[in-house]
Amino acid sequence: MSSSLVLASASPRRRELLNQIGLAHTVLPVNIDETPLDNEQPLALVTRLAQQKAEQGFEAAQGVTNVSQSIVLAADTIVVYQGVALGKPIDADDHNTMLSKLSNKTHQVITAFSIKSSQAVYTEAVSSDVTFMALNKQQIANYWLSGEPQDKAGGYAIQGYGATFVKHLSGSYTGVVGLPLFECANALKRFGVEV
């Protein structure tokens, strides 16, 4: 018997990815403190946040009649350059600094996802290498004005205009978007969610 799935995320990109593979789900967003712990490395941070979101989502689902027996899926994505996590840009200057760093260089995008049921929890992180073309100041400024990068980790969206900056990708495209579908679908099967 297939279990019902709850997505503990407000991300429209994650909803679209689940829809892409035909996975019916209920959206139940959670809000957690995403501040890194002292000396917390990017992989540890993204894994912890995904797990916390799944746990909070599972707790929230217990109070909702039609999803209380559900499997909860949550995820978190970070962009890492030279071992340092880049958050969402706070303003145009912050964005320009971020993209100037990524210009003509390779960075990592790590997405961790966590699945929780009443019986078990499973968390996995998937890392991809993304190489940008050389960007000039005008391209970076114009991109900010498009509105696309303003709520995106690392200041760009690979599924939008930001795709034109990506010279090479090694790893999971859907992981860079926000949910690595191959790994996620395989993990969900273990929880009785058929894809």
Protein backbone atom coordinates (compact mmCIF):
# COMPACT_ATOMS: atom_id res chain seq x y z
CA MET A 1 0.00 0.00 0.00
CA SER A 2 1.33 3.43 -0.96
CA SER A 3 1.70 5.98 1.81
CA SER A 4 0.74 9.63 1.44
CA LEU A 5 3.59 12.10 1.14
CA VAL A 6 3.97 15.46 2.86
CA LEU A 7 6.49 17.99 1.55
CA ALA A 8 7.74 20.09 4.47
CA SER A 9 8.79 22.98 2.24
CA ALA A 10 7.37 26.15 0.75
CA SER A 11 9.71 25.86 -2.26
CA PRO A 12 7.79 25.94 -5.55
CA ARG A 13 10.80 24.26 -7.19
CA ARG A 14 10.56 21.21 -4.94
CA ARG A 15 6.82 20.98 -5.58
CA GLU A 16 7.45 21.13 -9.34
CA LEU A 17 10.10 18.39 -9.11
CA LEU A 18 7.73 16.06 -7.23
CA ASN A 19 4.99 16.83 -9.76
CA GLN A 20 7.46 16.08 -12.57
CA ILE A 21 7.73 12.47 -11.39
CA GLY A 22 4.02 12.15 -10.63
CA LEU A 23 4.29 12.09 -6.84
CA ALA A 24 1.08 13.34 -5.23
CA HIS A 25 1.87 15.26 -2.09
CA THR A 26 0.53 17.70 0.48
CA VAL A 27 2.53 20.86 1.18
CA LEU A 28 3.10 21.67 4.85
CA PRO A 29 5.82 24.35 5.08
CA VAL A 30 8.01 24.61 8.16
CA ASN A 31 10.13 27.48 9.40
CA ILE A 32 13.36 26.77 11.27
CA ASP A 33 16.39 28.80 12.33
CA GLU A 34 18.97 28.20 9.59
CA THR A 35 21.86 29.89 11.41
CA PRO A 36 25.02 27.73 11.22
CA LEU A 37 26.45 26.43 14.49
CA ASP A 38 29.96 27.55 15.50
CA ASN A 39 32.53 26.02 13.10
CA GLU A 40 29.80 23.96 11.39
CA GLN A 41 30.97 22.70 7.99
CA PRO A 42 28.64 23.11 4.97
CA LEU A 43 27.84 19.37 4.63
CA ALA A 44 27.00 19.09 8.34
CA LEU A 45 24.88 22.27 8.15
CA VAL A 46 22.77 21.25 5.16
CA THR A 47 22.25 17.73 6.55
CA ARG A 48 21.21 19.05 9.98
CA LEU A 49 18.77 21.55 8.47
CA ALA A 50 17.10 18.94 6.24
CA GLN A 51 16.69 16.61 9.21
CA GLN A 52 15.29 19.36 11.46
CA LYS A 53 12.80 20.35 8.76
CA ALA A 54 11.64 16.74 8.39
CA GLU A 55 11.25 16.33 12.16
CA GLN A 56 9.33 19.60 12.49
CA GLY A 57 7.21 18.70 9.46
CA PHE A 58 6.40 15.32 10.96
CA GLU A 59 5.36 16.93 14.25
CA ALA A 60 3.20 19.46 12.39
CA ALA A 61 1.57 16.68 10.34
CA GLN A 62 0.41 14.95 13.53
CA GLY A 63 -2.02 17.79 14.09
CA VAL A 64 -3.51 17.58 10.59
CA THR A 65 -6.11 14.80 10.30
CA ASN A 66 -5.68 13.84 6.65
CA VAL A 67 -1.86 13.70 6.74
CA SER A 68 -1.13 12.41 10.25
CA GLN A 69 -0.01 8.97 9.00
CA SER A 70 2.15 10.41 6.27
CA ILE A 71 5.74 10.14 5.20
CA VAL A 72 7.37 13.58 5.48
CA LEU A 73 10.01 14.79 3.02
CA ALA A 74 12.15 17.87 3.62
CA ALA A 75 15.26 19.28 1.97
CA ASP A 76 17.82 22.04 2.19
CA THR A 77 20.23 23.33 -0.46
CA ILE A 78 23.45 25.30 -0.06
CA VAL A 79 26.00 26.69 -2.47
CA VAL A 80 29.61 26.24 -1.38
CA TYR A 81 32.61 28.13 -2.74
CA GLN A 82 36.10 27.26 -1.47
CA GLY A 83 34.61 25.48 1.53
CA VAL A 84 32.37 28.39 2.57
CA ALA A 85 28.56 28.25 2.34
CA LEU A 86 26.99 31.13 0.42
CA GLY A 87 23.52 32.02 1.66
CA LYS A 88 20.79 33.98 -0.08
CA PRO A 89 21.94 37.46 -1.12
CA ILE A 90 20.78 40.20 1.24
CA ASP A 91 21.00 42.96 -1.38
CA ALA A 92 22.43 43.82 -4.81
CA ASP A 93 25.96 44.39 -3.48
CA ASP A 94 25.96 41.02 -1.72
CA HIS A 95 24.69 39.36 -4.90
CA ASN A 96 27.34 41.06 -7.04
CA THR A 97 30.08 39.89 -4.67
CA MET A 98 28.74 36.30 -4.74
CA LEU A 99 28.51 36.03 -8.50
CA SER A 100 31.89 37.71 -8.96
CA LYS A 101 33.37 34.93 -6.81
CA LEU A 102 31.59 32.22 -8.83
CA SER A 103 32.52 33.77 -12.19
CA ASN A 104 34.78 31.48 -14.27
CA LYS A 105 35.12 29.08 -11.29
CA THR A 106 33.73 25.77 -10.07
CA HIS A 107 31.60 25.64 -6.92
CA GLN A 108 29.57 22.94 -5.17
CA VAL A 109 25.84 22.75 -4.63
CA ILE A 110 24.83 20.37 -1.84
CA THR A 111 21.22 19.35 -1.35
CA ALA A 112 20.34 17.18 1.62
CA PHE A 113 16.94 15.57 1.91
CA SER A 114 15.40 13.85 4.90
CA ILE A 115 12.46 11.45 5.02
CA LYS A 116 10.64 10.73 8.28
CA SER A 117 7.86 8.33 9.18
CA SER A 118 6.61 7.06 12.52
CA GLN A 119 9.05 4.12 12.18
CA ALA A 120 12.22 5.59 10.67
CA VAL A 121 14.19 8.57 9.44
CA TYR A 122 16.57 8.64 6.48
CA THR A 123 18.83 11.53 5.45
CA GLU A 124 21.15 11.79 2.44
CA ALA A 125 23.21 14.61 0.93
CA VAL A 126 24.04 14.91 -2.78
CA SER A 127 26.84 17.19 -3.98
CA SER A 128 27.27 18.52 -7.51
CA ASP A 129 30.05 20.58 -9.12
CA VAL A 130 28.89 23.60 -11.13
CA THR A 131 31.27 25.63 -13.31
CA PHE A 132 30.30 29.15 -14.35
CA MET A 133 31.44 30.99 -17.46
CA ALA A 134 33.26 34.31 -16.98
CA LEU A 135 30.68 36.95 -16.03
CA ASN A 136 31.09 40.69 -16.42
CA LYS A 137 29.71 43.33 -14.05
CA GLN A 138 26.89 44.26 -16.41
CA GLN A 139 25.67 40.65 -16.70
CA ILE A 140 25.68 40.28 -12.92
CA ALA A 141 23.86 43.60 -12.39
CA ASN A 142 21.25 42.77 -15.05
CA TYR A 143 20.68 39.36 -13.50
CA TRP A 144 19.92 40.93 -10.12
CA LEU A 145 17.43 43.29 -11.76
CA SER A 146 15.57 40.30 -13.23
CA GLY A 147 14.42 39.46 -9.68
CA GLU A 148 15.32 35.80 -10.08
CA PRO A 149 18.32 35.50 -7.72
CA GLN A 150 16.86 37.35 -4.76
CA ASP A 151 15.73 34.33 -2.70
CA LYS A 152 18.18 31.76 -4.06
CA ALA A 153 21.15 30.20 -2.27
CA GLY A 154 24.31 31.39 -4.00
CA GLY A 155 22.36 34.09 -5.80
CA TYR A 156 21.27 32.16 -8.89
CA ALA A 157 18.67 29.69 -10.19
CA ILE A 158 19.88 27.00 -12.58
CA GLN A 159 16.30 26.33 -13.71
CA GLY A 160 15.90 29.96 -14.85
CA TYR A 161 18.04 32.64 -16.46
CA GLY A 162 20.95 31.41 -14.33
CA ALA A 163 21.22 28.36 -16.62
CA THR A 164 22.93 30.58 -19.19
CA PHE A 165 25.90 31.01 -16.80
CA VAL A 166 26.52 27.28 -16.32
CA LYS A 167 29.36 26.04 -18.51
CA HIS A 168 29.54 22.58 -16.94
CA LEU A 169 27.68 20.52 -14.36
CA SER A 170 28.89 17.28 -12.82
CA GLY A 171 26.37 15.57 -10.57
CA SER A 172 22.61 15.95 -10.13
CA TYR A 173 20.83 18.71 -12.06
CA THR A 174 17.68 18.26 -9.96
CA GLY A 175 19.88 18.35 -6.85
CA VAL A 176 21.10 21.79 -7.91
CA VAL A 177 17.47 22.87 -8.46
CA GLY A 178 16.60 21.71 -4.92
CA LEU A 179 15.78 17.98 -4.75
CA PRO A 180 17.93 15.17 -6.20
CA LEU A 181 15.17 13.06 -7.77
CA PHE A 182 17.14 9.87 -8.47
CA GLU A 183 18.36 9.50 -4.89
CA CYS A 184 15.11 10.78 -3.40
CA ALA A 185 12.88 8.42 -5.41
CA ASN A 186 15.00 5.42 -4.41
CA ALA A 187 14.90 6.41 -0.75
CA LEU A 188 11.12 6.99 -0.80
CA LYS A 189 10.56 3.43 -2.07
CA ARG A 190 11.97 2.15 1.21
CA PHE A 191 9.19 4.04 2.98
CA GLY A 192 6.48 2.53 0.78
CA VAL A 193 6.10 5.57 -1.49
CA GLU A 194 6.05 4.26 -5.05
CA VAL A 195 7.26 6.48 -7.87
